[in-house]
Amino acid sequence: MQQKRTLLFLALIFIFAGTGLTMENLKLIAGFSVHWPVCLLVLGAGLILLFYHRNKIDEVLIWLGSFIFLLGLFFYYLNFTSWHDLAFLWPVFLGLAGFSFLAVGLIRRNRIFTYLGIIFISLFLTFTLVFTVSKDLWPMSFVVFGVCLLIIEIYNKTIET
């Protein structure tokens, strides 16, 4: 029964998307294609729900679901600002991967995923400071790295107690 509901939901999404895009191509409506990241948001949320539906067995589902969902939010931001900003905002992809690893680490209580999340987020912060704000801020990467080590130390102490 649940598989039939899933197929019905997917069918309705495709019918809605196809109708909206066709109407925009025929100049009957405007601005529909700006909202294409909704597909990523729905896919990401669906993968996260599938993770919980399968009794939290597969970490890949939570990582991929959270990454695709966050990617959809980022692409929405770019749709309403400028895609030319991507030349400076490329470190965001490292941050998205970091937050996805962190989500897996916190849900599964797995240190490796938490450490990977912290490392990717620190790389995101460092590259954002250096390439987006100012190249003179590269020494701040030492500060970011030190803060990450402190977070790991605090995390280790909370797990041990």
N, C-alpha and C. Protein backbone atom coordinates (compact mmCIF):
# COMPACT_ATOMS: atom_id res chain seq x y z
N MET A 1 0.81 -1.20 0.00
CA MET A 1 0.00 0.00 0.00
C MET A 1 0.86 1.27 0.00
N GLN A 2 1.94 1.23 0.78
CA GLN A 2 2.79 2.41 0.88
C GLN A 2 3.55 2.64 -0.44
N GLN A 3 3.88 1.57 -1.17
CA GLN A 3 4.56 1.72 -2.45
C GLN A 3 3.63 2.40 -3.45
N LYS A 4 2.34 2.12 -3.41
CA LYS A 4 1.38 2.76 -4.30
C LYS A 4 1.29 4.25 -4.01
N ARG A 5 1.33 4.62 -2.72
CA ARG A 5 1.30 6.04 -2.35
C ARG A 5 2.54 6.75 -2.85
N THR A 6 3.70 6.09 -2.75
CA THR A 6 4.94 6.68 -3.22
C THR A 6 4.89 6.92 -4.72
N LEU A 7 4.41 5.93 -5.47
CA LEU A 7 4.31 6.08 -6.91
C LEU A 7 3.31 7.18 -7.28
N LEU A 8 2.21 7.26 -6.56
CA LEU A 8 1.23 8.32 -6.81
C LEU A 8 1.84 9.68 -6.54
N PHE A 9 2.57 9.81 -5.45
CA PHE A 9 3.22 11.07 -5.10
C PHE A 9 4.24 11.47 -6.18
N LEU A 10 5.08 10.52 -6.60
CA LEU A 10 6.06 10.80 -7.66
C LEU A 10 5.37 11.18 -8.96
N ALA A 11 4.30 10.46 -9.30
CA ALA A 11 3.57 10.77 -10.53
C ALA A 11 3.01 12.19 -10.49
N LEU A 12 2.45 12.59 -9.35
CA LEU A 12 1.89 13.94 -9.23
C LEU A 12 2.98 15.01 -9.31
N ILE A 13 4.13 14.73 -8.75
CA ILE A 13 5.24 15.69 -8.83
C ILE A 13 5.67 15.87 -10.28
N PHE A 14 5.84 14.76 -11.02
CA PHE A 14 6.26 14.86 -12.41
C PHE A 14 5.20 15.56 -13.27
N ILE A 15 3.94 15.27 -13.03
CA ILE A 15 2.86 15.92 -13.79
C ILE A 15 2.85 17.41 -13.51
N PHE A 16 2.97 17.79 -12.25
CA PHE A 16 2.99 19.20 -11.88
C PHE A 16 4.20 19.92 -12.49
N ALA A 17 5.38 19.32 -12.36
CA ALA A 17 6.60 19.94 -12.90
C ALA A 17 6.52 20.06 -14.42
N GLY A 18 6.10 19.00 -15.09
CA GLY A 18 6.00 19.04 -16.55
C GLY A 18 4.99 20.06 -17.04
N THR A 19 3.85 20.14 -16.35
CA THR A 19 2.83 21.12 -16.74
C THR A 19 3.34 22.54 -16.53
N GLY A 20 3.97 22.78 -15.40
CA GLY A 20 4.48 24.13 -15.12
C GLY A 20 5.56 24.56 -16.09
N LEU A 21 6.49 23.66 -16.39
CA LEU A 21 7.57 24.01 -17.34
C LEU A 21 7.02 24.21 -18.75
N THR A 22 6.06 23.38 -19.15
CA THR A 22 5.46 23.55 -20.47
C THR A 22 4.72 24.88 -20.56
N MET A 23 3.98 25.23 -19.51
CA MET A 23 3.27 26.51 -19.51
C MET A 23 4.24 27.69 -19.56
N GLU A 24 5.40 27.54 -18.91
CA GLU A 24 6.40 28.61 -18.98
C GLU A 24 7.01 28.69 -20.38
N ASN A 25 7.27 27.54 -21.00
CA ASN A 25 7.82 27.55 -22.37
C ASN A 25 6.85 28.16 -23.37
N LEU A 26 5.56 27.99 -23.13
CA LEU A 26 4.54 28.58 -24.00
C LEU A 26 4.20 30.02 -23.61
N LYS A 27 4.94 30.57 -22.66
CA LYS A 27 4.78 31.95 -22.19
C LYS A 27 3.40 32.21 -21.57
N LEU A 28 2.81 31.17 -20.99
CA LEU A 28 1.54 31.33 -20.29
C LEU A 28 1.75 31.76 -18.84
N ILE A 29 2.86 31.34 -18.25
CA ILE A 29 3.25 31.77 -16.91
C ILE A 29 4.73 32.14 -16.96
N ALA A 30 5.20 32.82 -15.94
CA ALA A 30 6.62 33.22 -15.88
C ALA A 30 7.18 32.88 -14.50
N GLY A 31 8.45 32.56 -14.46
CA GLY A 31 9.14 32.35 -13.19
C GLY A 31 9.04 30.97 -12.60
N PHE A 32 8.44 30.03 -13.30
CA PHE A 32 8.29 28.68 -12.74
C PHE A 32 9.64 27.96 -12.66
N SER A 33 10.50 28.17 -13.65
CA SER A 33 11.77 27.44 -13.69
C SER A 33 12.76 27.91 -12.63
N VAL A 34 12.49 29.03 -12.01
CA VAL A 34 13.36 29.52 -10.93
C VAL A 34 13.27 28.59 -9.72
N HIS A 35 12.19 27.87 -9.63
CA HIS A 35 11.95 27.03 -8.46
C HIS A 35 12.36 25.58 -8.65
N TRP A 36 13.26 25.31 -9.61
CA TRP A 36 13.70 23.93 -9.82
C TRP A 36 14.40 23.33 -8.61
N PRO A 37 15.04 24.11 -7.71
CA PRO A 37 15.66 23.48 -6.55
C PRO A 37 14.67 22.79 -5.61
N VAL A 38 13.37 23.03 -5.78
CA VAL A 38 12.39 22.32 -4.97
C VAL A 38 12.53 20.81 -5.19
N CYS A 39 12.90 20.41 -6.42
CA CYS A 39 13.10 18.98 -6.70
C CYS A 39 14.21 18.42 -5.80
N LEU A 40 15.28 19.19 -5.62
CA LEU A 40 16.36 18.75 -4.74
C LEU A 40 15.91 18.71 -3.29
N LEU A 41 15.13 19.70 -2.88
CA LEU A 41 14.63 19.72 -1.51
C LEU A 41 13.74 18.51 -1.23
N VAL A 42 12.86 18.19 -2.17
CA VAL A 42 11.97 17.05 -2.00
C VAL A 42 12.76 15.74 -2.00
N LEU A 43 13.73 15.62 -2.92
CA LEU A 43 14.55 14.42 -2.98
C LEU A 43 15.35 14.24 -1.70
N GLY A 44 15.98 15.31 -1.22
CA GLY A 44 16.76 15.23 0.01
C GLY A 44 15.90 14.87 1.22
N ALA A 45 14.76 15.52 1.33
CA ALA A 45 13.85 15.21 2.44
C ALA A 45 13.35 13.77 2.34
N GLY A 46 13.10 13.32 1.11
CA GLY A 46 12.66 11.93 0.92
C GLY A 46 13.71 10.93 1.34
N LEU A 47 14.97 11.20 1.05
CA LEU A 47 16.05 10.30 1.47
C LEU A 47 16.19 10.28 2.99
N ILE A 48 16.03 11.44 3.62
CA ILE A 48 16.09 11.48 5.08
C ILE A 48 14.94 10.69 5.69
N LEU A 49 13.74 10.85 5.13
CA LEU A 49 12.59 10.08 5.62
C LEU A 49 12.78 8.59 5.39
N LEU A 50 13.39 8.24 4.27
CA LEU A 50 13.67 6.83 3.99
C LEU A 50 14.64 6.25 5.01
N PHE A 51 15.61 7.05 5.45
CA PHE A 51 16.54 6.64 6.48
C PHE A 51 15.79 6.26 7.76
N TYR A 52 14.85 7.11 8.16
CA TYR A 52 14.08 6.82 9.37
C TYR A 52 13.08 5.69 9.14
N HIS A 53 12.56 5.58 7.92
CA HIS A 53 11.62 4.50 7.61
C HIS A 53 12.30 3.14 7.66
N ARG A 54 13.58 3.09 7.33
CA ARG A 54 14.35 1.84 7.35
C ARG A 54 15.02 1.61 8.70
N ASN A 55 14.50 2.20 9.73
CA ASN A 55 14.99 2.02 11.10
C ASN A 55 16.44 2.45 11.29
N LYS A 56 16.82 3.53 10.65
CA LYS A 56 18.15 4.15 10.82
C LYS A 56 19.29 3.17 10.54
N ILE A 57 19.17 2.40 9.48
CA ILE A 57 20.19 1.40 9.16
C ILE A 57 21.30 1.97 8.28
N ASP A 58 20.96 2.72 7.25
CA ASP A 58 21.92 3.09 6.21
C ASP A 58 22.35 4.55 6.36
N GLU A 59 23.61 4.77 6.75
CA GLU A 59 24.13 6.13 6.94
C GLU A 59 24.19 6.92 5.64
N VAL A 60 24.31 6.20 4.53
CA VAL A 60 24.41 6.87 3.24
C VAL A 60 23.14 7.69 2.97
N LEU A 61 22.01 7.17 3.38
CA LEU A 61 20.75 7.88 3.15
C LEU A 61 20.70 9.21 3.89
N ILE A 62 21.17 9.24 5.13
CA ILE A 62 21.12 10.49 5.88
C ILE A 62 22.17 11.47 5.33
N TRP A 63 23.35 10.97 4.95
CA TRP A 63 24.36 11.87 4.40
C TRP A 63 23.89 12.44 3.07
N LEU A 64 23.48 11.57 2.17
CA LEU A 64 23.06 12.00 0.84
C LEU A 64 21.81 12.88 0.92
N GLY A 65 20.86 12.49 1.77
CA GLY A 65 19.64 13.28 1.91
C GLY A 65 19.93 14.68 2.43
N SER A 66 20.75 14.78 3.47
CA SER A 66 21.05 16.11 4.01
C SER A 66 21.89 16.93 3.03
N PHE A 67 22.80 16.28 2.31
CA PHE A 67 23.62 17.01 1.33
C PHE A 67 22.75 17.55 0.20
N ILE A 68 21.88 16.71 -0.35
CA ILE A 68 21.02 17.15 -1.46
C ILE A 68 20.05 18.23 -0.99
N PHE A 69 19.51 18.09 0.22
CA PHE A 69 18.60 19.10 0.76
C PHE A 69 19.33 20.44 0.92
N LEU A 70 20.52 20.43 1.53
CA LEU A 70 21.28 21.67 1.70
C LEU A 70 21.71 22.25 0.36
N LEU A 71 22.03 21.38 -0.59
CA LEU A 71 22.38 21.83 -1.94
C LEU A 71 21.21 22.54 -2.59
N GLY A 72 20.00 22.01 -2.40
CA GLY A 72 18.81 22.67 -2.91
C GLY A 72 18.62 24.05 -2.32
N LEU A 73 18.86 24.20 -1.02
CA LEU A 73 18.77 25.52 -0.38
C LEU A 73 19.81 26.48 -0.96
N PHE A 74 21.03 25.99 -1.16
CA PHE A 74 22.09 26.83 -1.71
C PHE A 74 21.77 27.25 -3.14
N PHE A 75 21.25 26.32 -3.94
CA PHE A 75 20.89 26.66 -5.32
C PHE A 75 19.72 27.64 -5.36
N TYR A 76 18.81 27.53 -4.41
CA TYR A 76 17.74 28.53 -4.31
C TYR A 76 18.34 29.91 -4.06
N TYR A 77 19.29 29.97 -3.15
CA TYR A 77 19.96 31.24 -2.87
C TYR A 77 20.60 31.80 -4.15
N LEU A 78 21.28 30.94 -4.91
CA LEU A 78 21.93 31.40 -6.13
C LEU A 78 20.91 31.82 -7.19
N ASN A 79 19.76 31.17 -7.24
CA ASN A 79 18.72 31.56 -8.20
C ASN A 79 18.22 32.98 -7.94
N PHE A 80 18.17 33.37 -6.68
CA PHE A 80 17.63 34.68 -6.35
C PHE A 80 18.71 35.74 -6.14
N THR A 81 19.97 35.36 -6.21
CA THR A 81 21.06 36.35 -6.18
C THR A 81 21.73 36.33 -7.54
N SER A 82 22.85 35.65 -7.65
CA SER A 82 23.53 35.55 -8.94
C SER A 82 24.39 34.29 -8.96
N TRP A 83 24.31 33.57 -10.07
CA TRP A 83 25.13 32.37 -10.22
C TRP A 83 26.60 32.74 -10.44
N HIS A 84 26.87 33.99 -10.75
CA HIS A 84 28.26 34.44 -10.88
C HIS A 84 28.97 34.45 -9.53
N ASP A 85 28.20 34.52 -8.44
CA ASP A 85 28.78 34.48 -7.10
C ASP A 85 29.42 33.13 -6.80
N LEU A 86 29.09 32.11 -7.58
CA LEU A 86 29.64 30.79 -7.35
C LEU A 86 31.16 30.77 -7.49
N ALA A 87 31.72 31.72 -8.25
CA ALA A 87 33.17 31.82 -8.38
C ALA A 87 33.83 32.08 -7.03
N PHE A 88 33.11 32.75 -6.12
CA PHE A 88 33.64 33.04 -4.80
C PHE A 88 33.05 32.13 -3.71
N LEU A 89 31.92 31.57 -3.99
CA LEU A 89 31.23 30.77 -2.97
C LEU A 89 31.47 29.26 -3.10
N TRP A 90 32.45 28.86 -3.90
CA TRP A 90 32.70 27.43 -4.08
C TRP A 90 33.04 26.72 -2.78
N PRO A 91 33.62 27.36 -1.75
CA PRO A 91 33.87 26.63 -0.51
C PRO A 91 32.60 26.16 0.19
N VAL A 92 31.44 26.70 -0.19
CA VAL A 92 30.18 26.28 0.43
C VAL A 92 29.97 24.77 0.22
N PHE A 93 30.43 24.23 -0.90
CA PHE A 93 30.27 22.80 -1.15
C PHE A 93 31.00 21.97 -0.09
N LEU A 94 32.16 22.45 0.35
CA LEU A 94 32.87 21.77 1.44
C LEU A 94 32.06 21.86 2.74
N GLY A 95 31.46 23.02 2.98
CA GLY A 95 30.63 23.18 4.17
C GLY A 95 29.40 22.29 4.14
N LEU A 96 28.79 22.15 2.98
CA LEU A 96 27.62 21.28 2.85
C LEU A 96 28.00 19.83 3.15
N ALA A 97 29.14 19.40 2.61
CA ALA A 97 29.61 18.03 2.89
C ALA A 97 29.91 17.89 4.38
N GLY A 98 30.52 18.91 4.98
CA GLY A 98 30.83 18.88 6.41
C GLY A 98 29.59 18.77 7.27
N PHE A 99 28.57 19.57 6.96
CA PHE A 99 27.34 19.50 7.74
C PHE A 99 26.63 18.16 7.55
N SER A 100 26.77 17.56 6.38
CA SER A 100 26.18 16.25 6.15
C SER A 100 26.91 15.18 6.96
N PHE A 101 28.24 15.24 6.98
CA PHE A 101 29.00 14.30 7.81
C PHE A 101 28.67 14.50 9.29
N LEU A 102 28.53 15.75 9.69
CA LEU A 102 28.20 16.05 11.08
C LEU A 102 26.82 15.50 11.45
N ALA A 103 25.87 15.59 10.52
CA ALA A 103 24.54 15.03 10.77
C ALA A 103 24.62 13.52 11.00
N VAL A 104 25.40 12.83 10.17
CA VAL A 104 25.56 11.38 10.35
C VAL A 104 26.26 11.09 11.67
N GLY A 105 27.29 11.86 11.97
CA GLY A 105 28.03 11.65 13.22
C GLY A 105 27.18 11.85 14.46
N LEU A 106 26.31 12.85 14.43
CA LEU A 106 25.48 13.11 15.59
C LEU A 106 24.34 12.11 15.72
N ILE A 107 23.77 11.69 14.60
CA ILE A 107 22.67 10.72 14.65
C ILE A 107 23.18 9.33 15.00
N ARG A 108 24.30 8.92 14.42
CA ARG A 108 24.82 7.58 14.65
C ARG A 108 25.81 7.52 15.82
N ARG A 109 26.14 8.67 16.40
CA ARG A 109 27.13 8.75 17.49
C ARG A 109 28.44 8.08 17.08
N ASN A 110 28.90 8.45 15.89
CA ASN A 110 30.12 7.88 15.33
C ASN A 110 31.17 8.99 15.24
N ARG A 111 32.28 8.79 15.90
CA ARG A 111 33.32 9.82 15.96
C ARG A 111 33.93 10.14 14.61
N ILE A 112 34.11 9.12 13.77
CA ILE A 112 34.75 9.35 12.46
C ILE A 112 33.94 10.35 11.65
N PHE A 113 32.62 10.17 11.59
CA PHE A 113 31.78 11.09 10.82
C PHE A 113 31.78 12.48 11.45
N THR A 114 31.80 12.54 12.77
CA THR A 114 31.85 13.85 13.44
C THR A 114 33.16 14.55 13.13
N TYR A 115 34.26 13.81 13.18
CA TYR A 115 35.57 14.41 12.86
C TYR A 115 35.62 14.87 11.41
N LEU A 116 35.10 14.04 10.50
CA LEU A 116 35.06 14.44 9.09
C LEU A 116 34.24 15.72 8.92
N GLY A 117 33.11 15.79 9.62
CA GLY A 117 32.29 16.99 9.55
C GLY A 117 33.03 18.22 10.03
N ILE A 118 33.72 18.09 11.14
CA ILE A 118 34.48 19.23 11.68
C ILE A 118 35.61 19.63 10.73
N ILE A 119 36.28 18.66 10.15
CA ILE A 119 37.37 18.96 9.21
C ILE A 119 36.84 19.68 7.98
N PHE A 120 35.75 19.18 7.39
CA PHE A 120 35.21 19.82 6.19
C PHE A 120 34.67 21.22 6.50
N ILE A 121 34.04 21.38 7.65
CA ILE A 121 33.54 22.71 8.02
C ILE A 121 34.69 23.67 8.26
N SER A 122 35.78 23.18 8.86
CA SER A 122 36.95 24.06 9.06
C SER A 122 37.59 24.44 7.72
N LEU A 123 37.62 23.49 6.79
CA LEU A 123 38.13 23.83 5.45
C LEU A 123 37.24 24.87 4.77
N PHE A 124 35.94 24.69 4.92
CA PHE A 124 34.99 25.67 4.38
C PHE A 124 35.25 27.05 4.95
N LEU A 125 35.37 27.14 6.28
CA LEU A 125 35.60 28.44 6.92
C LEU A 125 36.93 29.05 6.48
N THR A 126 37.96 28.23 6.43
CA THR A 126 39.29 28.72 6.03
C THR A 126 39.28 29.23 4.61
N PHE A 127 38.76 28.43 3.67
CA PHE A 127 38.75 28.85 2.27
C PHE A 127 37.84 30.05 2.05
N THR A 128 36.77 30.14 2.82
CA THR A 128 35.90 31.31 2.71
C THR A 128 36.63 32.56 3.16
N LEU A 129 37.35 32.47 4.28
CA LEU A 129 38.13 33.62 4.75
C LEU A 129 39.20 34.03 3.74
N VAL A 130 39.89 33.04 3.19
CA VAL A 130 41.01 33.35 2.31
C VAL A 130 40.54 33.81 0.93
N PHE A 131 39.62 33.09 0.31
CA PHE A 131 39.27 33.38 -1.07
C PHE A 131 38.11 34.35 -1.23
N THR A 132 37.27 34.48 -0.22
CA THR A 132 36.11 35.35 -0.36
C THR A 132 36.33 36.68 0.34
N VAL A 133 36.86 36.65 1.55
CA VAL A 133 37.00 37.88 2.33
C VAL A 133 38.30 38.60 1.96
N SER A 134 39.45 37.99 2.24
CA SER A 134 40.73 38.62 1.94
C SER A 134 41.84 37.58 1.98
N LYS A 135 42.78 37.68 1.05
CA LYS A 135 43.90 36.74 1.05
C LYS A 135 44.84 36.98 2.22
N ASP A 136 44.73 38.13 2.88
CA ASP A 136 45.58 38.43 4.04
C ASP A 136 45.12 37.70 5.29
N LEU A 137 43.97 37.04 5.21
CA LEU A 137 43.43 36.36 6.39
C LEU A 137 43.83 34.88 6.46
N TRP A 138 44.80 34.45 5.65
CA TRP A 138 45.17 33.03 5.69
C TRP A 138 45.65 32.57 7.06
N PRO A 139 46.29 33.43 7.89
CA PRO A 139 46.68 32.95 9.23
C PRO A 139 45.48 32.58 10.10
N MET A 140 44.29 33.05 9.75
CA MET A 140 43.10 32.67 10.50
C MET A 140 42.83 31.18 10.39
N SER A 141 43.41 30.53 9.39
CA SER A 141 43.23 29.08 9.26
C SER A 141 43.81 28.37 10.48
N PHE A 142 44.88 28.92 11.09
CA PHE A 142 45.43 28.36 12.32
C PHE A 142 44.41 28.46 13.46
N VAL A 143 43.73 29.60 13.53
CA VAL A 143 42.71 29.80 14.56
C VAL A 143 41.57 28.81 14.36
N VAL A 144 41.12 28.67 13.11
CA VAL A 144 40.03 27.75 12.81
C VAL A 144 40.44 26.33 13.16
N PHE A 145 41.66 25.95 12.82
CA PHE A 145 42.15 24.60 13.12
C PHE A 145 42.23 24.38 14.63
N GLY A 146 42.70 25.38 15.37
CA GLY A 146 42.77 25.27 16.82
C GLY A 146 41.39 25.14 17.46
N VAL A 147 40.43 25.90 16.96
CA VAL A 147 39.06 25.79 17.46
C VAL A 147 38.50 24.41 17.17
N CYS A 148 38.80 23.88 16.00
CA CYS A 148 38.34 22.53 15.66
C CYS A 148 38.94 21.49 16.61
N LEU A 149 40.21 21.64 16.94
CA LEU A 149 40.82 20.72 17.89
C LEU A 149 40.16 20.81 19.26
N LEU A 150 39.82 22.03 19.68
CA LEU A 150 39.11 22.20 20.95
C LEU A 150 37.73 21.54 20.91
N ILE A 151 37.03 21.70 19.81
CA ILE A 151 35.71 21.07 19.68
C ILE A 151 35.83 19.56 19.75
N ILE A 152 36.83 19.01 19.08
CA ILE A 152 37.05 17.56 19.12
C ILE A 152 37.36 17.10 20.54
N GLU A 153 38.19 17.87 21.26
CA GLU A 153 38.53 17.52 22.63
C GLU A 153 37.30 17.55 23.54
N ILE A 154 36.49 18.60 23.39
CA ILE A 154 35.25 18.70 24.19
C ILE A 154 34.30 17.56 23.82
N TYR A 155 34.19 17.25 22.55
CA TYR A 155 33.32 16.16 22.09
C TYR A 155 33.77 14.82 22.68
N ASN A 156 35.08 14.60 22.69
CA ASN A 156 35.62 13.35 23.24
C ASN A 156 35.30 13.24 24.75
N LYS A 157 35.42 14.35 25.46
CA LYS A 157 35.13 14.32 26.90
C LYS A 157 33.65 14.07 27.19
N THR A 158 32.76 14.63 26.37
CA THR A 158 31.34 14.41 26.60
C THR A 158 30.93 12.99 26.28
N ILE A 159 31.59 12.35 25.33
CA ILE A 159 31.26 10.96 24.98
C ILE A 159 31.79 10.02 26.07
N GLU A 160 32.96 10.32 26.64
CA GLU A 160 33.58 9.45 27.63
C GLU A 160 32.82 9.48 28.95
N THR A 161 32.17 10.61 29.26
CA THR A 161 31.46 10.69 30.55
C THR A 161 30.05 10.19 30.46
